[in-house]
Protein backbone atom coordinates (compact mmCIF):
# COMPACT_ATOMS: atom_id res chain seq x y z
CA MET A 1 2.88 54.73 -51.74
CA LYS A 2 5.79 52.64 -52.89
CA TYR A 3 3.92 50.26 -55.28
CA THR A 4 1.11 52.53 -56.41
CA GLN A 5 2.87 53.54 -59.58
CA ILE A 6 2.63 53.15 -63.34
CA PRO A 7 5.44 52.97 -65.88
CA GLN A 8 6.76 56.44 -66.89
CA ASP A 9 6.35 55.56 -70.54
CA THR A 10 2.72 54.47 -70.18
CA PHE A 11 1.28 56.89 -72.74
CA ASN A 12 3.79 55.68 -75.28
CA ASN A 13 2.51 52.13 -74.92
CA ILE A 14 -1.23 52.67 -75.12
CA GLN A 15 -3.35 51.50 -78.07
CA LEU A 16 -5.91 54.17 -78.90
CA ASN A 17 -9.31 54.19 -80.64
CA ALA A 18 -11.22 51.38 -82.39
CA GLY A 19 -8.86 50.75 -85.25
CA VAL A 20 -9.89 49.67 -88.71
CA LEU A 21 -10.41 46.37 -90.59
CA LEU A 22 -8.47 46.04 -93.84
CA LYS A 23 -8.02 43.70 -96.73
CA GLY A 24 -4.37 44.57 -96.87
CA PHE A 25 -1.70 46.47 -94.90
CA ASP A 26 2.04 47.09 -95.22
CA PRO A 27 3.55 46.76 -91.72
CA GLU A 28 7.01 47.54 -93.07
CA ASN A 29 6.23 51.22 -93.58
CA GLY A 30 2.78 51.46 -91.92
CA THR A 31 0.86 52.38 -95.03
CA LEU A 32 -2.76 51.55 -95.78
CA ASN A 33 -4.96 52.25 -98.77
CA ALA A 34 -8.44 53.66 -98.14
CA THR A 35 -9.78 51.22 -100.74
CA ASP A 36 -8.70 48.34 -98.43
CA ILE A 37 -11.01 49.40 -95.62
CA LEU A 38 -13.77 46.76 -95.35
CA GLY A 39 -16.38 48.97 -93.72
CA ALA A 40 -17.33 51.07 -90.71
CA THR A 41 -17.66 49.22 -87.39
CA SER A 42 -19.49 49.91 -84.15
CA GLY A 43 -18.36 48.86 -80.66
CA GLY A 44 -14.78 48.09 -81.68
CA VAL A 45 -13.24 44.82 -82.79
CA ASN A 46 -12.45 41.76 -80.66
CA PHE A 47 -9.49 39.46 -81.38
CA THR A 48 -8.77 36.24 -79.52
CA ALA A 49 -5.98 33.73 -80.01
CA THR A 50 -6.62 30.68 -77.87
CA PRO A 51 -4.10 27.88 -77.68
CA SER A 52 -5.05 24.23 -77.11
CA TYR A 53 -2.73 21.94 -75.27
CA ILE A 54 -2.17 18.20 -74.78
CA ASP A 55 -1.04 17.00 -71.41
CA TYR A 56 0.74 13.69 -72.12
CA GLY A 57 1.24 13.12 -68.41
CA GLU A 58 -2.43 13.14 -67.46
CA ASP A 59 -2.73 9.28 -67.47
CA ILE A 60 0.68 8.52 -66.00
CA ASP A 61 0.74 7.25 -62.45
CA ASN A 62 2.47 9.60 -59.94
CA CYS A 63 2.72 12.41 -62.55
CA PRO A 64 1.25 15.75 -61.39
CA LYS A 65 -1.09 17.48 -63.75
CA ASN A 66 0.54 20.06 -66.06
CA MET A 67 4.09 18.70 -65.95
CA LYS A 68 5.82 21.20 -68.21
CA GLU A 69 8.08 18.60 -69.88
CA LEU A 70 5.01 16.59 -70.95
CA LYS A 71 2.90 19.51 -72.17
CA GLN A 72 2.51 20.02 -75.88
CA LEU A 73 0.92 22.87 -77.86
CA ASP A 74 -1.65 21.30 -80.17
CA GLY A 75 -2.74 24.34 -82.14
CA TRP A 76 -4.27 27.81 -82.12
CA GLU A 77 -7.81 29.10 -82.68
CA ALA A 78 -7.66 32.76 -83.80
CA LYS A 79 -10.87 34.75 -84.24
CA MET A 80 -11.76 38.36 -85.11
CA SER A 81 -15.27 39.55 -84.34
CA GLY A 82 -17.32 42.71 -84.10
CA THR A 83 -20.13 44.54 -85.90
CA PHE A 84 -20.19 46.38 -89.20
CA VAL A 85 -22.65 49.25 -89.67
CA THR A 86 -21.96 49.62 -93.40
CA VAL A 87 -22.23 46.95 -96.08
CA THR A 88 -21.45 46.54 -99.76
CA ALA A 89 -22.07 43.55 -102.05
CA GLU A 90 -18.38 42.65 -101.71
CA LEU A 91 -18.52 42.80 -97.95
CA ALA A 92 -21.79 40.83 -97.83
CA ALA A 93 -20.13 38.10 -99.90
CA LYS A 94 -17.15 38.08 -97.51
CA LEU A 95 -19.50 37.81 -94.54
CA THR A 96 -21.39 34.97 -96.21
CA GLY A 97 -18.15 33.08 -96.55
CA ALA A 98 -18.81 30.64 -99.41
CA ALA A 99 -20.38 33.01 -101.94
CA ASP A 100 -19.96 34.61 -105.31
CA THR A 101 -20.78 38.24 -106.10
CA ALA A 102 -21.62 39.93 -109.41
CA THR A 103 -22.13 43.69 -109.22
CA ASP A 104 -25.04 43.89 -106.77
CA LYS A 105 -25.99 40.25 -106.14
CA VAL A 106 -24.49 37.79 -103.68
CA THR A 107 -25.03 34.08 -104.38
CA PRO A 108 -24.14 31.63 -101.61
CA ARG A 109 -22.45 28.34 -102.43
CA ASN A 110 -22.46 24.86 -100.80
CA GLU A 111 -18.75 24.38 -101.26
CA LEU A 112 -15.65 26.37 -100.30
CA LYS A 113 -13.15 27.71 -102.76
CA ALA A 114 -9.52 28.73 -102.09
CA ALA A 115 -10.50 32.29 -102.91
CA ASP A 116 -12.91 32.36 -99.94
CA PHE A 117 -9.88 32.38 -97.61
CA ALA A 118 -8.06 35.76 -97.40
CA ASP A 119 -5.90 37.58 -94.91
CA LEU A 120 -7.68 40.10 -92.68
CA TRP A 121 -5.99 43.00 -90.92
CA TRP A 122 -6.92 45.01 -87.84
CA VAL A 123 -4.84 48.14 -87.39
CA GLY A 124 -5.10 50.67 -84.57
CA ASP A 125 -3.27 53.78 -83.43
CA TYR A 126 -0.46 53.24 -80.94
CA SER A 127 2.00 55.40 -78.89
CA ALA A 128 2.30 59.15 -78.45
CA VAL A 129 3.15 59.62 -82.12
CA ASN A 130 0.13 58.59 -84.19
CA GLU A 131 -0.18 61.20 -86.84
CA ASP A 132 1.80 61.53 -90.05
CA GLY A 133 1.15 65.24 -90.22
CA THR A 134 4.79 66.40 -90.32
CA LYS A 135 7.65 65.53 -92.66
CA GLY A 136 9.61 62.53 -91.44
CA ALA A 137 7.11 61.49 -88.78
CA SER A 138 5.99 57.86 -88.63
CA ALA A 139 2.72 56.93 -86.91
CA GLY A 140 2.77 54.13 -84.37
CA PHE A 141 0.41 51.22 -84.79
CA CYS A 142 -0.76 47.91 -83.35
CA ALA A 143 -1.72 45.47 -86.07
CA ILE A 144 -3.04 41.96 -86.19
CA ARG A 145 -2.94 39.83 -89.33
CA LEU A 146 -5.46 37.00 -89.37
CA LEU A 147 -4.09 34.55 -91.98
CA ASN A 148 -6.40 32.60 -94.30
CA SER A 149 -9.49 34.08 -92.61
CA LEU A 150 -12.96 32.82 -93.38
CA SER A 151 -16.28 34.13 -92.12
CA THR A 152 -17.43 31.46 -89.70
CA GLY A 153 -20.21 33.55 -88.12
CA GLY A 154 -22.28 33.62 -91.30
CA PHE A 155 -24.19 36.58 -92.69
CA GLN A 156 -26.25 38.39 -90.01
CA ILE A 157 -28.30 41.59 -90.08
CA GLN A 158 -30.07 43.23 -87.23
CA SER A 159 -32.18 46.21 -88.24
CA GLY A 160 -34.03 48.55 -85.84
CA ASP A 161 -36.64 51.30 -85.85
CA LYS A 162 -34.87 54.61 -86.44
CA ALA A 163 -31.50 52.90 -86.09
CA LYS A 164 -28.64 51.73 -88.22
CA ALA A 165 -28.66 48.09 -89.30
CA GLN A 166 -25.88 46.01 -87.69
CA PHE A 167 -23.96 43.21 -89.36
CA ALA A 168 -22.31 41.06 -86.71
CA PHE A 169 -19.27 39.19 -87.90
CA GLU A 170 -16.80 36.46 -86.87
CA PHE A 171 -13.75 35.51 -88.88
CA THR A 172 -11.53 32.55 -88.10
CA GLY A 173 -7.90 32.18 -89.17
CA HIS A 174 -6.85 28.86 -90.73
CA TYR A 175 -3.73 26.84 -91.08
CA SER A 176 -2.66 25.82 -94.59
CA MET A 177 -1.43 22.46 -95.93
CA GLU A 178 1.27 24.46 -97.84
CA HIS A 179 2.76 25.73 -94.54
CA PRO A 180 1.31 23.65 -91.68
CA GLU A 181 3.84 25.06 -89.22
CA THR A 182 2.65 28.65 -89.67
CA VAL A 183 0.26 29.79 -86.96
CA PRO A 184 -2.71 31.65 -88.48
CA PHE A 185 -2.04 35.05 -86.94
CA GLU A 186 0.72 37.65 -86.51
CA ILE A 187 0.96 40.62 -84.14
CA TYR A 188 2.77 43.84 -84.85
CA VAL A 189 3.54 46.63 -82.31
CA LYS A 190 5.38 49.56 -83.71
CA ALA A 191 6.03 52.85 -81.87
CA GLY A 192 5.79 56.09 -83.83
CA THR A 193 8.79 58.25 -84.47
CA GLU A 194 8.93 62.04 -84.32
CA ALA A 195 9.72 64.13 -87.35
CA THR A 196 13.41 64.95 -87.78
CA ALA A 197 14.40 68.60 -88.07
């Protein structure tokens, strides 16, 4: 059938597996440190970036709704959500949002501090080349950087009989007064490269 086809490079453009949540990531050379992994997740990670618009023509006589010349982008709401199945005191404090941690104790606060906001990375395998097992190879990746993220879902735990406890999370990216024009997320899509002989 003429139109029952897929692109010939489909496998090269597929994101694979659940990915990992990180405190930091270097998209320039695709390196991550194991110590930056926040925890193990279950069920994958969900990211949404939803724009909000203003239609300045909505109250103008004879103006059709959604006139492109009168439509303005008002801002973005970017969120990362999922479920952790491991937890540390550091992660519990991050999930709490406004909290301090000292060794094994997390103390919630009633006010936010600048340090409560931090970038959050999700990174997943991408393309046919996704292993760095050979000299000169470069693994492909999809990555999302949520800027100035803050836990807006609060601290949650769901335990179960003969089951692993689950820690549902939701992080929201935030604009900054220092750079109000910067949208609070970035997307990276980098294909892997084969090793050179």
